[in-house]
Amino acid sequence: MQNINFKDLYNNNKEIRNTHINIGSGEEFSIKNLAMLIKNIVGYKGEFMFNKAKPDGTFKKLIDNSKIRSLGWKHKVTLSEGIKRIYSWYIA
């Protein structure tokens, strides 16, 4: 896993205090595709049921990672690989 020293980031850029920082590749994924990706990685055999009567307004999510990119960070792992790694860590 990639390590980030947030104390060093803070010391170099005071404007990151009292805010959230999204970490991600910047790729857009549909909720269904993300669920299917996780299903395949963890070996879930069940089915998903989406309640279309209660949408949250968006079918795709894109995490804005511009704050962390402005600090010089760049992703090195795909979403799929990241999920595989964290799942392997979790079950170990």
PDB file of N, CA and C in Angstrom:
ATOM      1  N   MET A   1       0.833  -1.181   0.000  1.00  0.00           N
ATOM      2  CA  MET A   1       0.000   0.000   0.000  1.00  0.00           C
ATOM      3  C   MET A   1       0.877   1.244   0.000  1.00  0.00           C
ATOM      4  N   GLN A   2       0.360   2.276  -0.612  1.00  0.00           N
ATOM      5  CA  GLN A   2       1.089   3.536  -0.675  1.00  0.00           C
ATOM      6  C   GLN A   2       0.898   4.292   0.631  1.00  0.00           C
ATOM      7  N   ASN A   3       1.979   4.801   1.181  1.00  0.00           N
ATOM      8  CA  ASN A   3       1.913   5.576   2.414  1.00  0.00           C
ATOM      9  C   ASN A   3       1.978   7.064   2.105  1.00  0.00           C
ATOM     10  N   ILE A   4       1.159   7.824   2.807  1.00  0.00           N
ATOM     11  CA  ILE A   4       1.153   9.275   2.662  1.00  0.00           C
ATOM     12  C   ILE A   4       1.366   9.872   4.048  1.00  0.00           C
ATOM     13  N   ASN A   5       2.331  10.745   4.182  1.00  0.00           N
ATOM     14  CA  ASN A   5       2.578  11.408   5.448  1.00  0.00           C
ATOM     15  C   ASN A   5       1.806  12.725   5.442  1.00  0.00           C
ATOM     16  N   PHE A   6       0.623  12.707   6.043  1.00  0.00           N
ATOM     17  CA  PHE A   6      -0.223  13.891   6.019  1.00  0.00           C
ATOM     18  C   PHE A   6       0.349  15.030   6.858  1.00  0.00           C
ATOM     19  N   LYS A   7       1.176  14.699   7.838  1.00  0.00           N
ATOM     20  CA  LYS A   7       1.830  15.757   8.615  1.00  0.00           C
ATOM     21  C   LYS A   7       2.755  16.569   7.711  1.00  0.00           C
ATOM     22  N   ASP A   8       3.518  15.890   6.852  1.00  0.00           N
ATOM     23  CA  ASP A   8       4.383  16.602   5.903  1.00  0.00           C
ATOM     24  C   ASP A   8       3.561  17.431   4.929  1.00  0.00           C
ATOM     25  N   LEU A   9       2.449  16.880   4.456  1.00  0.00           N
ATOM     26  CA  LEU A   9       1.589  17.642   3.548  1.00  0.00           C
ATOM     27  C   LEU A   9       1.070  18.895   4.236  1.00  0.00           C
ATOM     28  N   TYR A  10       0.663  18.751   5.488  1.00  0.00           N
ATOM     29  CA  TYR A  10       0.155  19.893   6.234  1.00  0.00           C
ATOM     30  C   TYR A  10       1.231  20.957   6.409  1.00  0.00           C
ATOM     31  N   ASN A  11       2.437  20.529   6.764  1.00  0.00           N
ATOM     32  CA  ASN A  11       3.527  21.486   6.970  1.00  0.00           C
ATOM     33  C   ASN A  11       3.869  22.238   5.691  1.00  0.00           C
ATOM     34  N   ASN A  12       3.693  21.604   4.554  1.00  0.00           N
ATOM     35  CA  ASN A  12       4.008  22.233   3.270  1.00  0.00           C
ATOM     36  C   ASN A  12       2.857  23.058   2.711  1.00  0.00           C
ATOM     37  N   ASN A  13       1.639  22.799   3.166  1.00  0.00           N
ATOM     38  CA  ASN A  13       0.479  23.482   2.605  1.00  0.00           C
ATOM     39  C   ASN A  13      -0.584  23.637   3.682  1.00  0.00           C
ATOM     40  N   LYS A  14      -0.587  24.762   4.353  1.00  0.00           N
ATOM     41  CA  LYS A  14      -1.509  24.996   5.462  1.00  0.00           C
ATOM     42  C   LYS A  14      -2.973  25.043   5.019  1.00  0.00           C
ATOM     43  N   GLU A  15      -3.242  25.186   3.738  1.00  0.00           N
ATOM     44  CA  GLU A  15      -4.618  25.308   3.255  1.00  0.00           C
ATOM     45  C   GLU A  15      -5.378  23.991   3.266  1.00  0.00           C
ATOM     46  N   ILE A  16      -4.736  22.884   3.598  1.00  0.00           N
ATOM     47  CA  ILE A  16      -5.459  21.619   3.618  1.00  0.00           C
ATOM     48  C   ILE A  16      -6.098  21.325   4.972  1.00  0.00           C
ATOM     49  N   ARG A  17      -5.956  22.212   5.935  1.00  0.00           N
ATOM     50  CA  ARG A  17      -6.555  21.966   7.246  1.00  0.00           C
ATOM     51  C   ARG A  17      -8.072  22.189   7.191  1.00  0.00           C
ATOM     52  N   ASN A  18      -8.764  21.525   8.084  1.00  0.00           N
ATOM     53  CA  ASN A  18     -10.218  21.650   8.224  1.00  0.00           C
ATOM     54  C   ASN A  18     -10.961  21.386   6.920  1.00  0.00           C
ATOM     55  N   THR A  19     -10.545  20.374   6.217  1.00  0.00           N
ATOM     56  CA  THR A  19     -11.199  20.016   4.963  1.00  0.00           C
ATOM     57  C   THR A  19     -11.086  18.515   4.764  1.00  0.00           C
ATOM     58  N   HIS A  20     -11.816  18.005   3.824  1.00  0.00           N
ATOM     59  CA  HIS A  20     -11.668  16.591   3.475  1.00  0.00           C
ATOM     60  C   HIS A  20     -10.820  16.496   2.213  1.00  0.00           C
ATOM     61  N   ILE A  21     -10.184  15.359   2.044  1.00  0.00           N
ATOM     62  CA  ILE A  21      -9.380  15.120   0.848  1.00  0.00           C
ATOM     63  C   ILE A  21      -9.802  13.783   0.269  1.00  0.00           C
ATOM     64  N   ASN A  22     -10.350  13.805  -0.932  1.00  0.00           N
ATOM     65  CA  ASN A  22     -10.723  12.571  -1.614  1.00  0.00           C
ATOM     66  C   ASN A  22      -9.490  11.943  -2.236  1.00  0.00           C
ATOM     67  N   ILE A  23      -9.378  10.642  -2.101  1.00  0.00           N
ATOM     68  CA  ILE A  23      -8.273   9.910  -2.700  1.00  0.00           C
ATOM     69  C   ILE A  23      -8.871   8.916  -3.678  1.00  0.00           C
ATOM     70  N   GLY A  24      -8.503   9.017  -4.935  1.00  0.00           N
ATOM     71  CA  GLY A  24      -9.029   8.112  -5.946  1.00  0.00           C
ATOM     72  C   GLY A  24      -8.377   8.368  -7.282  1.00  0.00           C
ATOM     73  N   SER A  25      -8.738   7.546  -8.242  1.00  0.00           N
ATOM     74  CA  SER A  25      -8.132   7.634  -9.569  1.00  0.00           C
ATOM     75  C   SER A  25      -8.756   8.725 -10.425  1.00  0.00           C
ATOM     76  N   GLY A  26      -9.941   9.178 -10.057  1.00  0.00           N
ATOM     77  CA  GLY A  26     -10.646  10.145 -10.880  1.00  0.00           C
ATOM     78  C   GLY A  26     -11.510   9.486 -11.937  1.00  0.00           C
ATOM     79  N   GLU A  27     -11.555   8.152 -11.944  1.00  0.00           N
ATOM     80  CA  GLU A  27     -12.401   7.429 -12.888  1.00  0.00           C
ATOM     81  C   GLU A  27     -13.846   7.462 -12.417  1.00  0.00           C
ATOM     82  N   GLU A  28     -14.752   7.524 -13.374  1.00  0.00           N
ATOM     83  CA  GLU A  28     -16.171   7.497 -13.055  1.00  0.00           C
ATOM     84  C   GLU A  28     -16.677   6.065 -13.161  1.00  0.00           C
ATOM     85  N   PHE A  29     -17.450   5.635 -12.172  1.00  0.00           N
ATOM     86  CA  PHE A  29     -18.021   4.295 -12.162  1.00  0.00           C
ATOM     87  C   PHE A  29     -19.501   4.383 -11.870  1.00  0.00           C
ATOM     88  N   SER A  30     -20.283   3.521 -12.516  1.00  0.00           N
ATOM     89  CA  SER A  30     -21.684   3.427 -12.133  1.00  0.00           C
ATOM     90  C   SER A  30     -21.751   2.625 -10.837  1.00  0.00           C
ATOM     91  N   ILE A  31     -22.779   2.860 -10.066  1.00  0.00           N
ATOM     92  CA  ILE A  31     -22.959   2.137  -8.816  1.00  0.00           C
ATOM     93  C   ILE A  31     -23.072   0.639  -9.106  1.00  0.00           C
ATOM     94  N   LYS A  32     -23.785   0.290 -10.155  1.00  0.00           N
ATOM     95  CA  LYS A  32     -23.952  -1.120 -10.523  1.00  0.00           C
ATOM     96  C   LYS A  32     -22.609  -1.747 -10.900  1.00  0.00           C
ATOM     97  N   ASN A  33     -21.809  -1.058 -11.701  1.00  0.00           N
ATOM     98  CA  ASN A  33     -20.513  -1.609 -12.100  1.00  0.00           C
ATOM     99  C   ASN A  33     -19.573  -1.756 -10.909  1.00  0.00           C
ATOM    100  N   LEU A  34     -19.615  -0.815  -9.987  1.00  0.00           N
ATOM    101  CA  LEU A  34     -18.794  -0.919  -8.782  1.00  0.00           C
ATOM    102  C   LEU A  34     -19.233  -2.121  -7.945  1.00  0.00           C
ATOM    103  N   ALA A  35     -20.545  -2.288  -7.794  1.00  0.00           N
ATOM    104  CA  ALA A  35     -21.061  -3.432  -7.040  1.00  0.00           C
ATOM    105  C   ALA A  35     -20.649  -4.744  -7.694  1.00  0.00           C
ATOM    106  N   MET A  36     -20.716  -4.817  -9.017  1.00  0.00           N
ATOM    107  CA  MET A  36     -20.328  -6.034  -9.734  1.00  0.00           C
ATOM    108  C   MET A  36     -18.830  -6.294  -9.598  1.00  0.00           C
ATOM    109  N   LEU A  37     -18.025  -5.251  -9.628  1.00  0.00           N
ATOM    110  CA  LEU A  37     -16.578  -5.395  -9.459  1.00  0.00           C
ATOM    111  C   LEU A  37     -16.271  -6.002  -8.088  1.00  0.00           C
ATOM    112  N   ILE A  38     -16.878  -5.453  -7.054  1.00  0.00           N
ATOM    113  CA  ILE A  38     -16.662  -5.970  -5.702  1.00  0.00           C
ATOM    114  C   ILE A  38     -17.183  -7.398  -5.590  1.00  0.00           C
ATOM    115  N   LYS A  39     -18.351  -7.664  -6.166  1.00  0.00           N
ATOM    116  CA  LYS A  39     -18.941  -9.009  -6.150  1.00  0.00           C
ATOM    117  C   LYS A  39     -17.970 -10.026  -6.726  1.00  0.00           C
ATOM    118  N   ASN A  40     -17.378  -9.704  -7.861  1.00  0.00           N
ATOM    119  CA  ASN A  40     -16.453 -10.627  -8.519  1.00  0.00           C
ATOM    120  C   ASN A  40     -15.177 -10.827  -7.707  1.00  0.00           C
ATOM    121  N   ILE A  41     -14.677  -9.776  -7.102  1.00  0.00           N
ATOM    122  CA  ILE A  41     -13.435  -9.877  -6.330  1.00  0.00           C
ATOM    123  C   ILE A  41     -13.624 -10.712  -5.067  1.00  0.00           C
ATOM    124  N   VAL A  42     -14.724 -10.498  -4.363  1.00  0.00           N
ATOM    125  CA  VAL A  42     -14.926 -11.207  -3.097  1.00  0.00           C
ATOM    126  C   VAL A  42     -15.611 -12.554  -3.279  1.00  0.00           C
ATOM    127  N   GLY A  43     -16.077 -12.842  -4.481  1.00  0.00           N
ATOM    128  CA  GLY A  43     -16.708 -14.131  -4.745  1.00  0.00           C
ATOM    129  C   GLY A  43     -18.133 -14.241  -4.241  1.00  0.00           C
ATOM    130  N   TYR A  44     -18.819 -13.121  -4.140  1.00  0.00           N
ATOM    131  CA  TYR A  44     -20.214 -13.111  -3.692  1.00  0.00           C
ATOM    132  C   TYR A  44     -21.081 -13.794  -4.734  1.00  0.00           C
ATOM    133  N   LYS A  45     -21.915 -14.742  -4.297  1.00  0.00           N
ATOM    134  CA  LYS A  45     -22.744 -15.519  -5.228  1.00  0.00           C
ATOM    135  C   LYS A  45     -24.182 -15.015  -5.316  1.00  0.00           C
ATOM    136  N   GLY A  46     -24.554 -14.111  -4.449  1.00  0.00           N
ATOM    137  CA  GLY A  46     -25.923 -13.617  -4.426  1.00  0.00           C
ATOM    138  C   GLY A  46     -26.209 -12.641  -5.556  1.00  0.00           C
ATOM    139  N   GLU A  47     -27.410 -12.142  -5.556  1.00  0.00           N
ATOM    140  CA  GLU A  47     -27.847 -11.179  -6.568  1.00  0.00           C
ATOM    141  C   GLU A  47     -28.064  -9.819  -5.906  1.00  0.00           C
ATOM    142  N   PHE A  48     -27.958  -8.787  -6.696  1.00  0.00           N
ATOM    143  CA  PHE A  48     -28.241  -7.436  -6.223  1.00  0.00           C
ATOM    144  C   PHE A  48     -29.638  -7.042  -6.663  1.00  0.00           C
ATOM    145  N   MET A  49     -30.304  -6.303  -5.815  1.00  0.00           N
ATOM    146  CA  MET A  49     -31.606  -5.746  -6.167  1.00  0.00           C
ATOM    147  C   MET A  49     -31.505  -4.241  -5.990  1.00  0.00           C
ATOM    148  N   PHE A  50     -31.732  -3.515  -7.054  1.00  0.00           N
ATOM    149  CA  PHE A  50     -31.699  -2.062  -7.007  1.00  0.00           C
ATOM    150  C   PHE A  50     -33.128  -1.552  -6.954  1.00  0.00           C
ATOM    151  N   ASN A  51     -33.429  -0.737  -5.973  1.00  0.00           N
ATOM    152  CA  ASN A  51     -34.758  -0.167  -5.819  1.00  0.00           C
ATOM    153  C   ASN A  51     -34.822   1.118  -6.629  1.00  0.00           C
ATOM    154  N   LYS A  52     -35.353   1.019  -7.830  1.00  0.00           N
ATOM    155  CA  LYS A  52     -35.409   2.174  -8.727  1.00  0.00           C
ATOM    156  C   LYS A  52     -36.416   3.224  -8.267  1.00  0.00           C
ATOM    157  N   ALA A  53     -37.256   2.875  -7.307  1.00  0.00           N
ATOM    158  CA  ALA A  53     -38.221   3.838  -6.775  1.00  0.00           C
ATOM    159  C   ALA A  53     -37.549   4.840  -5.839  1.00  0.00           C
ATOM    160  N   LYS A  54     -36.328   4.546  -5.422  1.00  0.00           N
ATOM    161  CA  LYS A  54     -35.632   5.419  -4.474  1.00  0.00           C
ATOM    162  C   LYS A  54     -34.233   5.766  -4.963  1.00  0.00           C
ATOM    163  N   PRO A  55     -34.135   6.371  -6.128  1.00  0.00           N
ATOM    164  CA  PRO A  55     -32.790   6.747  -6.597  1.00  0.00           C
ATOM    165  C   PRO A  55     -32.250   7.915  -5.784  1.00  0.00           C
ATOM    166  N   ASP A  56     -30.943   8.005  -5.717  1.00  0.00           N
ATOM    167  CA  ASP A  56     -30.342   9.131  -4.995  1.00  0.00           C
ATOM    168  C   ASP A  56     -30.054  10.300  -5.924  1.00  0.00           C
ATOM    169  N   GLY A  57     -30.472  10.177  -7.162  1.00  0.00           N
ATOM    170  CA  GLY A  57     -30.295  11.279  -8.102  1.00  0.00           C
ATOM    171  C   GLY A  57     -29.180  11.067  -9.100  1.00  0.00           C
ATOM    172  N   THR A  58     -28.236  10.206  -8.779  1.00  0.00           N
ATOM    173  CA  THR A  58     -27.146   9.947  -9.717  1.00  0.00           C
ATOM    174  C   THR A  58     -26.904   8.453  -9.812  1.00  0.00           C
ATOM    175  N   PHE A  59     -26.617   8.011 -11.017  1.00  0.00           N
ATOM    176  CA  PHE A  59     -26.325   6.598 -11.230  1.00  0.00           C
ATOM    177  C   PHE A  59     -24.827   6.350 -11.310  1.00  0.00           C
ATOM    178  N   LYS A  60     -24.055   7.422 -11.384  1.00  0.00           N
ATOM    179  CA  LYS A  60     -22.604   7.311 -11.439  1.00  0.00           C
ATOM    180  C   LYS A  60     -22.012   8.233 -10.393  1.00  0.00           C
ATOM    181  N   LYS A  61     -20.852   7.856  -9.913  1.00  0.00           N
ATOM    182  CA  LYS A  61     -20.157   8.671  -8.922  1.00  0.00           C
ATOM    183  C   LYS A  61     -18.749   8.968  -9.423  1.00  0.00           C
ATOM    184  N   LEU A  62     -18.332  10.185  -9.242  1.00  0.00           N
ATOM    185  CA  LEU A  62     -16.973  10.592  -9.582  1.00  0.00           C
ATOM    186  C   LEU A  62     -16.430  11.374  -8.397  1.00  0.00           C
ATOM    187  N   ILE A  63     -15.376  10.849  -7.806  1.00  0.00           N
ATOM    188  CA  ILE A  63     -14.767  11.518  -6.655  1.00  0.00           C
ATOM    189  C   ILE A  63     -13.777  12.555  -7.160  1.00  0.00           C
ATOM    190  N   ASP A  64     -13.960  13.783  -6.724  1.00  0.00           N
ATOM    191  CA  ASP A  64     -13.059  14.871  -7.116  1.00  0.00           C
ATOM    192  C   ASP A  64     -11.780  14.774  -6.296  1.00  0.00           C
ATOM    193  N   ASN A  65     -10.690  14.398  -6.944  1.00  0.00           N
ATOM    194  CA  ASN A  65      -9.419  14.254  -6.239  1.00  0.00           C
ATOM    195  C   ASN A  65      -8.461  15.407  -6.538  1.00  0.00           C
ATOM    196  N   SER A  66      -8.993  16.549  -6.935  1.00  0.00           N
ATOM    197  CA  SER A  66      -8.141  17.675  -7.324  1.00  0.00           C
ATOM    198  C   SER A  66      -7.301  18.215  -6.156  1.00  0.00           C
ATOM    199  N   LYS A  67      -7.825  18.159  -4.921  1.00  0.00           N
ATOM    200  CA  LYS A  67      -7.049  18.669  -3.777  1.00  0.00           C
ATOM    201  C   LYS A  67      -5.765  17.869  -3.583  1.00  0.00           C
ATOM    202  N   ILE A  68      -5.893  16.558  -3.585  1.00  0.00           N
ATOM    203  CA  ILE A  68      -4.692  15.756  -3.339  1.00  0.00           C
ATOM    204  C   ILE A  68      -3.748  15.787  -4.539  1.00  0.00           C
ATOM    205  N   ARG A  69      -4.299  15.898  -5.747  1.00  0.00           N
ATOM    206  CA  ARG A  69      -3.437  16.028  -6.928  1.00  0.00           C
ATOM    207  C   ARG A  69      -2.667  17.339  -6.888  1.00  0.00           C
ATOM    208  N   SER A  70      -3.289  18.390  -6.352  1.00  0.00           N
ATOM    209  CA  SER A  70      -2.600  19.682  -6.264  1.00  0.00           C
ATOM    210  C   SER A  70      -1.419  19.627  -5.292  1.00  0.00           C
ATOM    211  N   LEU A  71      -1.409  18.612  -4.431  1.00  0.00           N
ATOM    212  CA  LEU A  71      -0.308  18.420  -3.488  1.00  0.00           C
ATOM    213  C   LEU A  71       0.777  17.508  -4.059  1.00  0.00           C
ATOM    214  N   GLY A  72       0.584  17.089  -5.305  1.00  0.00           N
ATOM    215  CA  GLY A  72       1.587  16.266  -5.968  1.00  0.00           C
ATOM    216  C   GLY A  72       1.321  14.774  -5.942  1.00  0.00           C
ATOM    217  N   TRP A  73       0.193  14.365  -5.369  1.00  0.00           N
ATOM    218  CA  TRP A  73      -0.120  12.941  -5.297  1.00  0.00           C
ATOM    219  C   TRP A  73      -0.704  12.458  -6.615  1.00  0.00           C
ATOM    220  N   LYS A  74      -0.371  11.241  -6.981  1.00  0.00           N
ATOM    221  CA  LYS A  74      -0.908  10.615  -8.185  1.00  0.00           C
ATOM    222  C   LYS A  74      -1.180   9.154  -7.870  1.00  0.00           C
ATOM    223  N   HIS A  75      -2.333   8.661  -8.279  1.00  0.00           N
ATOM    224  CA  HIS A  75      -2.645   7.263  -7.961  1.00  0.00           C
ATOM    225  C   HIS A  75      -1.726   6.314  -8.717  1.00  0.00           C
ATOM    226  N   LYS A  76      -1.406   5.200  -8.057  1.00  0.00           N
ATOM    227  CA  LYS A  76      -0.534   4.188  -8.652  1.00  0.00           C
ATOM    228  C   LYS A  76      -1.247   2.850  -8.795  1.00  0.00           C
ATOM    229  N   VAL A  77      -2.442   2.764  -8.241  1.00  0.00           N
ATOM    230  CA  VAL A  77      -3.184   1.512  -8.210  1.00  0.00           C
ATOM    231  C   VAL A  77      -4.578   1.758  -8.776  1.00  0.00           C
ATOM    232  N   THR A  78      -5.050   0.847  -9.611  1.00  0.00           N
ATOM    233  CA  THR A  78      -6.409   0.965 -10.143  1.00  0.00           C
ATOM    234  C   THR A  78      -7.418   0.655  -9.039  1.00  0.00           C
ATOM    235  N   LEU A  79      -8.656   1.025  -9.263  1.00  0.00           N
ATOM    236  CA  LEU A  79      -9.703   0.725  -8.296  1.00  0.00           C
ATOM    237  C   LEU A  79      -9.810  -0.779  -8.086  1.00  0.00           C
ATOM    238  N   SER A  80      -9.791  -1.532  -9.160  1.00  0.00           N
ATOM    239  CA  SER A  80      -9.889  -2.987  -9.072  1.00  0.00           C
ATOM    240  C   SER A  80      -8.751  -3.569  -8.239  1.00  0.00           C
ATOM    241  N   GLU A  81      -7.539  -3.149  -8.510  1.00  0.00           N
ATOM    242  CA  GLU A  81      -6.382  -3.648  -7.763  1.00  0.00           C
ATOM    243  C   GLU A  81      -6.458  -3.214  -6.303  1.00  0.00           C
ATOM    244  N   GLY A  82      -6.903  -2.002  -6.048  1.00  0.00           N
ATOM    245  CA  GLY A  82      -7.037  -1.522  -4.675  1.00  0.00           C
ATOM    246  C   GLY A  82      -8.050  -2.331  -3.883  1.00  0.00           C
ATOM    247  N   ILE A  83      -9.171  -2.664  -4.515  1.00  0.00           N
ATOM    248  CA  ILE A  83     -10.182  -3.482  -3.842  1.00  0.00           C
ATOM    249  C   ILE A  83      -9.629  -4.875  -3.569  1.00  0.00           C
ATOM    250  N   LYS A  84      -8.919  -5.439  -4.540  1.00  0.00           N
ATOM    251  CA  LYS A  84      -8.306  -6.764  -4.335  1.00  0.00           C
ATOM    252  C   LYS A  84      -7.336  -6.738  -3.160  1.00  0.00           C
ATOM    253  N   ARG A  85      -6.501  -5.717  -3.096  1.00  0.00           N
ATOM    254  CA  ARG A  85      -5.509  -5.628  -2.019  1.00  0.00           C
ATOM    255  C   ARG A  85      -6.158  -5.459  -0.654  1.00  0.00           C
ATOM    256  N   ILE A  86      -7.138  -4.578  -0.564  1.00  0.00           N
ATOM    257  CA  ILE A  86      -7.754  -4.332   0.741  1.00  0.00           C
ATOM    258  C   ILE A  86      -8.562  -5.540   1.180  1.00  0.00           C
ATOM    259  N   TYR A  87      -9.187  -6.238   0.232  1.00  0.00           N
ATOM    260  CA  TYR A  87      -9.936  -7.446   0.584  1.00  0.00           C
ATOM    261  C   TYR A  87      -8.982  -8.536   1.065  1.00  0.00           C
ATOM    262  N   SER A  88      -7.853  -8.702   0.387  1.00  0.00           N
ATOM    263  CA  SER A  88      -6.849  -9.688   0.814  1.00  0.00           C
ATOM    264  C   SER A  88      -6.334  -9.364   2.211  1.00  0.00           C
ATOM    265  N   TRP A  89      -6.100  -8.085   2.477  1.00  0.00           N
ATOM    266  CA  TRP A  89      -5.650  -7.662   3.799  1.00  0.00           C
ATOM    267  C   TRP A  89      -6.726  -7.959   4.847  1.00  0.00           C
ATOM    268  N   TYR A  90      -7.981  -7.675   4.501  1.00  0.00           N
ATOM    269  CA  TYR A  90      -9.083  -7.834   5.443  1.00  0.00           C
ATOM    270  C   TYR A  90      -9.277  -9.294   5.853  1.00  0.00           C
ATOM    271  N   ILE A  91      -9.179 -10.213   4.894  1.00  0.00           N
ATOM    272  CA  ILE A  91      -9.437 -11.617   5.215  1.00  0.00           C
ATOM    273  C   ILE A  91      -8.215 -12.324   5.800  1.00  0.00           C
ATOM    274  N   ALA A  92      -7.060 -11.661   5.765  1.00  0.00           N
ATOM    275  CA  ALA A  92      -5.831 -12.299   6.293  1.00  0.00           C
ATOM    276  C   ALA A  92      -5.830 -12.356   7.805  1.00  0.00           C
TER     277      ALA A  92
END
